[in-house]
Amino acid sequence: MGDVVNLNQFRKKRDRAAKAQQRAANRARTGRTKAERQATQVEASRGDGALDGKRIDHEPDEPEGGDRLGPKSD
């Protein structure tokens, strides 16, 4: 048979680890200069712009599926 495990201790240990990870992320985000934060923001917006530039938009009168190969209706 397995060992007896106190679930409260397990839950608390899991919560502490999650909080420690969140604290590390907060330190990395807030522990930077204003120039570093702006550089990161510019890089993120540049990446979003590059993705938006590659987006394929459908024509308004064209169906979403692009059903061009289907049977013709006369």
PDB file of N, CA and C in Angstrom:
ATOM      1  N   MET A   1       0.818  -1.166   0.000  1.00  0.00           N
ATOM      2  CA  MET A   1       0.000   0.000   0.000  1.00  0.00           C
ATOM      3  C   MET A   1       0.871   1.242   0.000  1.00  0.00           C
ATOM      4  N   GLY A   2       0.350   2.334  -0.567  1.00  0.00           N
ATOM      5  CA  GLY A   2       1.116   3.572  -0.669  1.00  0.00           C
ATOM      6  C   GLY A   2       1.154   4.334   0.639  1.00  0.00           C
ATOM      7  N   ASP A   3       1.957   5.352   0.645  1.00  0.00           N
ATOM      8  CA  ASP A   3       2.069   6.202   1.826  1.00  0.00           C
ATOM      9  C   ASP A   3       0.844   7.088   1.965  1.00  0.00           C
ATOM     10  N   VAL A   4       0.560   7.444   3.193  1.00  0.00           N
ATOM     11  CA  VAL A   4      -0.547   8.348   3.456  1.00  0.00           C
ATOM     12  C   VAL A   4      -0.067   9.766   3.144  1.00  0.00           C
ATOM     13  N   VAL A   5      -0.882  10.500   2.371  1.00  0.00           N
ATOM     14  CA  VAL A   5      -0.500  11.840   1.945  1.00  0.00           C
ATOM     15  C   VAL A   5      -1.510  12.826   2.501  1.00  0.00           C
ATOM     16  N   ASN A   6      -1.003  13.879   3.102  1.00  0.00           N
ATOM     17  CA  ASN A   6      -1.873  14.939   3.596  1.00  0.00           C
ATOM     18  C   ASN A   6      -2.182  15.854   2.415  1.00  0.00           C
ATOM     19  N   LEU A   7      -3.427  15.859   1.972  1.00  0.00           N
ATOM     20  CA  LEU A   7      -3.804  16.624   0.781  1.00  0.00           C
ATOM     21  C   LEU A   7      -3.708  18.126   1.014  1.00  0.00           C
ATOM     22  N   ASN A   8      -3.901  18.580   2.259  1.00  0.00           N
ATOM     23  CA  ASN A   8      -3.763  20.005   2.540  1.00  0.00           C
ATOM     24  C   ASN A   8      -2.326  20.456   2.315  1.00  0.00           C
ATOM     25  N   GLN A   9      -1.370  19.658   2.740  1.00  0.00           N
ATOM     26  CA  GLN A   9       0.026  20.009   2.523  1.00  0.00           C
ATOM     27  C   GLN A   9       0.368  20.006   1.037  1.00  0.00           C
ATOM     28  N   PHE A  10      -0.160  19.030   0.317  1.00  0.00           N
ATOM     29  CA  PHE A  10       0.071  18.962  -1.127  1.00  0.00           C
ATOM     30  C   PHE A  10      -0.499  20.198  -1.813  1.00  0.00           C
ATOM     31  N   ARG A  11      -1.709  20.593  -1.451  1.00  0.00           N
ATOM     32  CA  ARG A  11      -2.361  21.757  -2.044  1.00  0.00           C
ATOM     33  C   ARG A  11      -1.582  23.031  -1.737  1.00  0.00           C
ATOM     34  N   LYS A  12      -1.132  23.174  -0.492  1.00  0.00           N
ATOM     35  CA  LYS A  12      -0.379  24.361  -0.103  1.00  0.00           C
ATOM     36  C   LYS A  12       0.960  24.424  -0.838  1.00  0.00           C
ATOM     37  N   LYS A  13       1.618  23.292  -0.997  1.00  0.00           N
ATOM     38  CA  LYS A  13       2.893  23.272  -1.712  1.00  0.00           C
ATOM     39  C   LYS A  13       2.689  23.662  -3.179  1.00  0.00           C
ATOM     40  N   ARG A  14       1.615  23.167  -3.786  1.00  0.00           N
ATOM     41  CA  ARG A  14       1.303  23.506  -5.179  1.00  0.00           C
ATOM     42  C   ARG A  14       1.012  24.996  -5.317  1.00  0.00           C
ATOM     43  N   ASP A  15       0.232  25.550  -4.378  1.00  0.00           N
ATOM     44  CA  ASP A  15      -0.101  26.968  -4.415  1.00  0.00           C
ATOM     45  C   ASP A  15       1.135  27.839  -4.220  1.00  0.00           C
ATOM     46  N   ARG A  16       2.029  27.427  -3.319  1.00  0.00           N
ATOM     47  CA  ARG A  16       3.266  28.190  -3.102  1.00  0.00           C
ATOM     48  C   ARG A  16       4.117  28.206  -4.363  1.00  0.00           C
ATOM     49  N   ALA A  17       4.195  27.078  -5.052  1.00  0.00           N
ATOM     50  CA  ALA A  17       4.988  27.017  -6.278  1.00  0.00           C
ATOM     51  C   ALA A  17       4.394  27.917  -7.358  1.00  0.00           C
ATOM     52  N   ALA A  18       3.063  27.932  -7.465  1.00  0.00           N
ATOM     53  CA  ALA A  18       2.408  28.792  -8.457  1.00  0.00           C
ATOM     54  C   ALA A  18       2.636  30.268  -8.130  1.00  0.00           C
ATOM     55  N   LYS A  19       2.561  30.612  -6.847  1.00  0.00           N
ATOM     56  CA  LYS A  19       2.796  32.002  -6.446  1.00  0.00           C
ATOM     57  C   LYS A  19       4.243  32.399  -6.686  1.00  0.00           C
ATOM     58  N   ALA A  20       5.178  31.487  -6.448  1.00  0.00           N
ATOM     59  CA  ALA A  20       6.588  31.788  -6.684  1.00  0.00           C
ATOM     60  C   ALA A  20       6.840  32.037  -8.169  1.00  0.00           C
ATOM     61  N   GLN A  21       6.192  31.270  -9.011  1.00  0.00           N
ATOM     62  CA  GLN A  21       6.337  31.461 -10.446  1.00  0.00           C
ATOM     63  C   GLN A  21       5.752  32.807 -10.869  1.00  0.00           C
ATOM     64  N   GLN A  22       4.615  33.187 -10.306  1.00  0.00           N
ATOM     65  CA  GLN A  22       3.999  34.474 -10.606  1.00  0.00           C
ATOM     66  C   GLN A  22       4.885  35.624 -10.123  1.00  0.00           C
ATOM     67  N   ARG A  23       5.481  35.459  -8.943  1.00  0.00           N
ATOM     68  CA  ARG A  23       6.374  36.499  -8.427  1.00  0.00           C
ATOM     69  C   ARG A  23       7.583  36.675  -9.330  1.00  0.00           C
ATOM     70  N   ALA A  24       8.133  35.585  -9.836  1.00  0.00           N
ATOM     71  CA  ALA A  24       9.282  35.671 -10.730  1.00  0.00           C
ATOM     72  C   ALA A  24       8.908  36.390 -12.025  1.00  0.00           C
ATOM     73  N   ALA A  25       7.720  36.101 -12.544  1.00  0.00           N
ATOM     74  CA  ALA A  25       7.267  36.784 -13.762  1.00  0.00           C
ATOM     75  C   ALA A  25       7.066  38.277 -13.504  1.00  0.00           C
ATOM     76  N   ASN A  26       6.510  38.617 -12.351  1.00  0.00           N
ATOM     77  CA  ASN A  26       6.308  40.026 -12.012  1.00  0.00           C
ATOM     78  C   ASN A  26       7.649  40.750 -11.865  1.00  0.00           C
ATOM     79  N   ARG A  27       8.623  40.092 -11.258  1.00  0.00           N
ATOM     80  CA  ARG A  27       9.946  40.716 -11.105  1.00  0.00           C
ATOM     81  C   ARG A  27      10.580  40.959 -12.464  1.00  0.00           C
ATOM     82  N   ALA A  28      10.427  40.026 -13.373  1.00  0.00           N
ATOM     83  CA  ALA A  28      11.012  40.182 -14.701  1.00  0.00           C
ATOM     84  C   ALA A  28      10.316  41.305 -15.468  1.00  0.00           C
ATOM     85  N   ARG A  29       9.016  41.449 -15.253  1.00  0.00           N
ATOM     86  CA  ARG A  29       8.256  42.457 -15.985  1.00  0.00           C
ATOM     87  C   ARG A  29       8.478  43.851 -15.420  1.00  0.00           C
ATOM     88  N   THR A  30       8.506  43.998 -14.120  1.00  0.00           N
ATOM     89  CA  THR A  30       8.583  45.323 -13.525  1.00  0.00           C
ATOM     90  C   THR A  30      10.002  45.751 -13.202  1.00  0.00           C
ATOM     91  N   GLY A  31      10.937  44.862 -13.187  1.00  0.00           N
ATOM     92  CA  GLY A  31      12.303  45.198 -12.826  1.00  0.00           C
ATOM     93  C   GLY A  31      13.123  45.657 -14.019  1.00  0.00           C
ATOM     94  N   ARG A  32      12.511  46.391 -14.950  1.00  0.00           N
ATOM     95  CA  ARG A  32      13.210  46.848 -16.142  1.00  0.00           C
ATOM     96  C   ARG A  32      13.087  48.360 -16.273  1.00  0.00           C
ATOM     97  N   THR A  33      13.968  48.942 -17.059  1.00  0.00           N
ATOM     98  CA  THR A  33      13.905  50.378 -17.283  1.00  0.00           C
ATOM     99  C   THR A  33      12.782  50.695 -18.253  1.00  0.00           C
ATOM    100  N   LYS A  34      12.442  51.969 -18.324  1.00  0.00           N
ATOM    101  CA  LYS A  34      11.365  52.399 -19.211  1.00  0.00           C
ATOM    102  C   LYS A  34      11.717  52.099 -20.671  1.00  0.00           C
ATOM    103  N   ALA A  35      12.977  52.289 -21.043  1.00  0.00           N
ATOM    104  CA  ALA A  35      13.413  52.019 -22.420  1.00  0.00           C
ATOM    105  C   ALA A  35      13.269  50.537 -22.757  1.00  0.00           C
ATOM    106  N   GLU A  36      13.593  49.665 -21.821  1.00  0.00           N
ATOM    107  CA  GLU A  36      13.447  48.228 -22.069  1.00  0.00           C
ATOM    108  C   GLU A  36      11.989  47.848 -22.240  1.00  0.00           C
ATOM    109  N   ARG A  37      11.103  48.427 -21.407  1.00  0.00           N
ATOM    110  CA  ARG A  37       9.670  48.136 -21.532  1.00  0.00           C
ATOM    111  C   ARG A  37       9.142  48.617 -22.878  1.00  0.00           C
ATOM    112  N   GLN A  38       9.558  49.805 -23.313  1.00  0.00           N
ATOM    113  CA  GLN A  38       9.095  50.331 -24.599  1.00  0.00           C
ATOM    114  C   GLN A  38       9.623  49.486 -25.747  1.00  0.00           C
ATOM    115  N   ALA A  39      10.860  49.013 -25.657  1.00  0.00           N
ATOM    116  CA  ALA A  39      11.424  48.166 -26.707  1.00  0.00           C
ATOM    117  C   ALA A  39      10.638  46.863 -26.827  1.00  0.00           C
ATOM    118  N   THR A  40      10.275  46.283 -25.701  1.00  0.00           N
ATOM    119  CA  THR A  40       9.483  45.055 -25.719  1.00  0.00           C
ATOM    120  C   THR A  40       8.110  45.305 -26.337  1.00  0.00           C
ATOM    121  N   GLN A  41       7.505  46.445 -26.001  1.00  0.00           N
ATOM    122  CA  GLN A  41       6.188  46.785 -26.540  1.00  0.00           C
ATOM    123  C   GLN A  41       6.268  46.996 -28.052  1.00  0.00           C
ATOM    124  N   VAL A  42       7.328  47.647 -28.527  1.00  0.00           N
ATOM    125  CA  VAL A  42       7.499  47.870 -29.959  1.00  0.00           C
ATOM    126  C   VAL A  42       7.677  46.539 -30.684  1.00  0.00           C
ATOM    127  N   GLU A  43       8.468  45.641 -30.117  1.00  0.00           N
ATOM    128  CA  GLU A  43       8.669  44.326 -30.732  1.00  0.00           C
ATOM    129  C   GLU A  43       7.364  43.553 -30.825  1.00  0.00           C
ATOM    130  N   ALA A  44       6.551  43.621 -29.775  1.00  0.00           N
ATOM    131  CA  ALA A  44       5.268  42.908 -29.782  1.00  0.00           C
ATOM    132  C   ALA A  44       4.333  43.495 -30.836  1.00  0.00           C
ATOM    133  N   SER A  45       4.275  44.826 -30.933  1.00  0.00           N
ATOM    134  CA  SER A  45       3.379  45.442 -31.913  1.00  0.00           C
ATOM    135  C   SER A  45       3.891  45.194 -33.329  1.00  0.00           C
ATOM    136  N   ARG A  46       5.200  45.133 -33.504  1.00  0.00           N
ATOM    137  CA  ARG A  46       5.762  44.850 -34.826  1.00  0.00           C
ATOM    138  C   ARG A  46       5.387  43.428 -35.252  1.00  0.00           C
ATOM    139  N   GLY A  47       5.445  42.498 -34.314  1.00  0.00           N
ATOM    140  CA  GLY A  47       5.062  41.120 -34.619  1.00  0.00           C
ATOM    141  C   GLY A  47       3.586  41.009 -34.955  1.00  0.00           C
ATOM    142  N   ASP A  48       2.744  41.745 -34.215  1.00  0.00           N
ATOM    143  CA  ASP A  48       1.313  41.735 -34.510  1.00  0.00           C
ATOM    144  C   ASP A  48       1.039  42.331 -35.883  1.00  0.00           C
ATOM    145  N   GLY A  49       1.748  43.398 -36.221  1.00  0.00           N
ATOM    146  CA  GLY A  49       1.567  44.037 -37.526  1.00  0.00           C
ATOM    147  C   GLY A  49       1.995  43.119 -38.653  1.00  0.00           C
ATOM    148  N   ALA A  50       3.065  42.376 -38.442  1.00  0.00           N
ATOM    149  CA  ALA A  50       3.532  41.452 -39.472  1.00  0.00           C
ATOM    150  C   ALA A  50       2.502  40.346 -39.700  1.00  0.00           C
ATOM    151  N   LEU A  51       1.891  39.867 -38.630  1.00  0.00           N
ATOM    152  CA  LEU A  51       0.862  38.835 -38.784  1.00  0.00           C
ATOM    153  C   LEU A  51      -0.380  39.397 -39.464  1.00  0.00           C
ATOM    154  N   ASP A  52      -0.765  40.614 -39.107  1.00  0.00           N
ATOM    155  CA  ASP A  52      -1.939  41.213 -39.733  1.00  0.00           C
ATOM    156  C   ASP A  52      -1.700  41.459 -41.215  1.00  0.00           C
ATOM    157  N   GLY A  53      -0.468  41.752 -41.599  1.00  0.00           N
ATOM    158  CA  GLY A  53      -0.152  41.981 -43.005  1.00  0.00           C
ATOM    159  C   GLY A  53      -0.238  40.715 -43.832  1.00  0.00           C
ATOM    160  N   LYS A  54      -0.106  39.577 -43.210  1.00  0.00           N
ATOM    161  CA  LYS A  54      -0.163  38.295 -43.921  1.00  0.00           C
ATOM    162  C   LYS A  54      -1.540  37.651 -43.880  1.00  0.00           C
ATOM    163  N   ARG A  55      -2.500  38.329 -43.254  1.00  0.00           N
ATOM    164  CA  ARG A  55      -3.845  37.791 -43.127  1.00  0.00           C
ATOM    165  C   ARG A  55      -4.527  37.772 -44.495  1.00  0.00           C
ATOM    166  N   ILE A  56      -5.241  36.702 -44.769  1.00  0.00           N
ATOM    167  CA  ILE A  56      -5.986  36.576 -46.014  1.00  0.00           C
ATOM    168  C   ILE A  56      -7.442  36.908 -45.700  1.00  0.00           C
ATOM    169  N   ASP A  57      -7.924  37.978 -46.303  1.00  0.00           N
ATOM    170  CA  ASP A  57      -9.310  38.380 -46.101  1.00  0.00           C
ATOM    171  C   ASP A  57     -10.145  37.914 -47.289  1.00  0.00           C
ATOM    172  N   HIS A  58     -11.353  37.478 -47.014  1.00  0.00           N
ATOM    173  CA  HIS A  58     -12.267  37.043 -48.065  1.00  0.00           C
ATOM    174  C   HIS A  58     -13.006  38.250 -48.612  1.00  0.00           C
ATOM    175  N   GLU A  59     -13.340  38.179 -49.895  1.00  0.00           N
ATOM    176  CA  GLU A  59     -14.147  39.231 -50.511  1.00  0.00           C
ATOM    177  C   GLU A  59     -15.545  39.190 -49.900  1.00  0.00           C
ATOM    178  N   PRO A  60     -16.241  40.313 -49.815  1.00  0.00           N
ATOM    179  CA  PRO A  60     -17.567  40.324 -49.186  1.00  0.00           C
ATOM    180  C   PRO A  60     -18.597  39.457 -49.912  1.00  0.00           C
ATOM    181  N   ASP A  61     -18.513  39.339 -51.254  1.00  0.00           N
ATOM    182  CA  ASP A  61     -19.508  38.546 -51.985  1.00  0.00           C
ATOM    183  C   ASP A  61     -19.081  37.091 -52.141  1.00  0.00           C
ATOM    184  N   GLU A  62     -17.884  36.747 -51.696  1.00  0.00           N
ATOM    185  CA  GLU A  62     -17.396  35.378 -51.791  1.00  0.00           C
ATOM    186  C   GLU A  62     -17.766  34.607 -50.531  1.00  0.00           C
ATOM    187  N   PRO A  63     -18.243  33.356 -50.655  1.00  0.00           N
ATOM    188  CA  PRO A  63     -18.570  32.582 -49.454  1.00  0.00           C
ATOM    189  C   PRO A  63     -17.312  32.283 -48.649  1.00  0.00           C
ATOM    190  N   GLU A  64     -17.466  32.053 -47.368  1.00  0.00           N
ATOM    191  CA  GLU A  64     -16.346  31.816 -46.465  1.00  0.00           C
ATOM    192  C   GLU A  64     -15.496  30.629 -46.903  1.00  0.00           C
ATOM    193  N   GLY A  65     -16.111  29.557 -47.353  1.00  0.00           N
ATOM    194  CA  GLY A  65     -15.371  28.355 -47.709  1.00  0.00           C
ATOM    195  C   GLY A  65     -14.668  28.465 -49.041  1.00  0.00           C
ATOM    196  N   GLY A  66     -14.945  29.508 -49.820  1.00  0.00           N
ATOM    197  CA  GLY A  66     -14.332  29.618 -51.130  1.00  0.00           C
ATOM    198  C   GLY A  66     -14.762  28.467 -52.024  1.00  0.00           C
ATOM    199  N   ASP A  67     -16.053  28.191 -52.093  1.00  0.00           N
ATOM    200  CA  ASP A  67     -16.603  27.027 -52.778  1.00  0.00           C
ATOM    201  C   ASP A  67     -16.600  27.261 -54.289  1.00  0.00           C
ATOM    202  N   ARG A  68     -15.428  27.403 -54.887  1.00  0.00           N
ATOM    203  CA  ARG A  68     -15.324  27.682 -56.315  1.00  0.00           C
ATOM    204  C   ARG A  68     -15.371  26.413 -57.151  1.00  0.00           C
ATOM    205  N   LEU A  69     -15.022  25.295 -56.563  1.00  0.00           N
ATOM    206  CA  LEU A  69     -14.949  24.053 -57.317  1.00  0.00           C
ATOM    207  C   LEU A  69     -16.255  23.259 -57.279  1.00  0.00           C
ATOM    208  N   GLY A  70     -17.230  23.775 -56.616  1.00  0.00           N
ATOM    209  CA  GLY A  70     -18.520  23.078 -56.509  1.00  0.00           C
ATOM    210  C   GLY A  70     -19.300  23.175 -57.806  1.00  0.00           C
ATOM    211  N   PRO A  71     -20.472  22.565 -57.834  1.00  0.00           N
ATOM    212  CA  PRO A  71     -21.280  22.585 -59.065  1.00  0.00           C
ATOM    213  C   PRO A  71     -21.775  24.009 -59.346  1.00  0.00           C
ATOM    214  N   LYS A  72     -21.853  24.292 -60.660  1.00  0.00           N
ATOM    215  CA  LYS A  72     -22.310  25.612 -61.082  1.00  0.00           C
ATOM    216  C   LYS A  72     -23.829  25.625 -61.105  1.00  0.00           C
ATOM    217  N   SER A  73     -24.384  26.751 -60.701  1.00  0.00           N
ATOM    218  CA  SER A  73     -25.849  26.887 -60.785  1.00  0.00           C
ATOM    219  C   SER A  73     -26.153  27.854 -61.917  1.00  0.00           C
ATOM    220  N   ASP A  74     -26.922  27.392 -62.909  1.00  0.00           N
ATOM    221  CA  ASP A  74     -27.229  28.231 -64.072  1.00  0.00           C
ATOM    222  C   ASP A  74     -28.436  29.056 -63.885  1.00  0.00           C
TER     223      ASP A  74
END
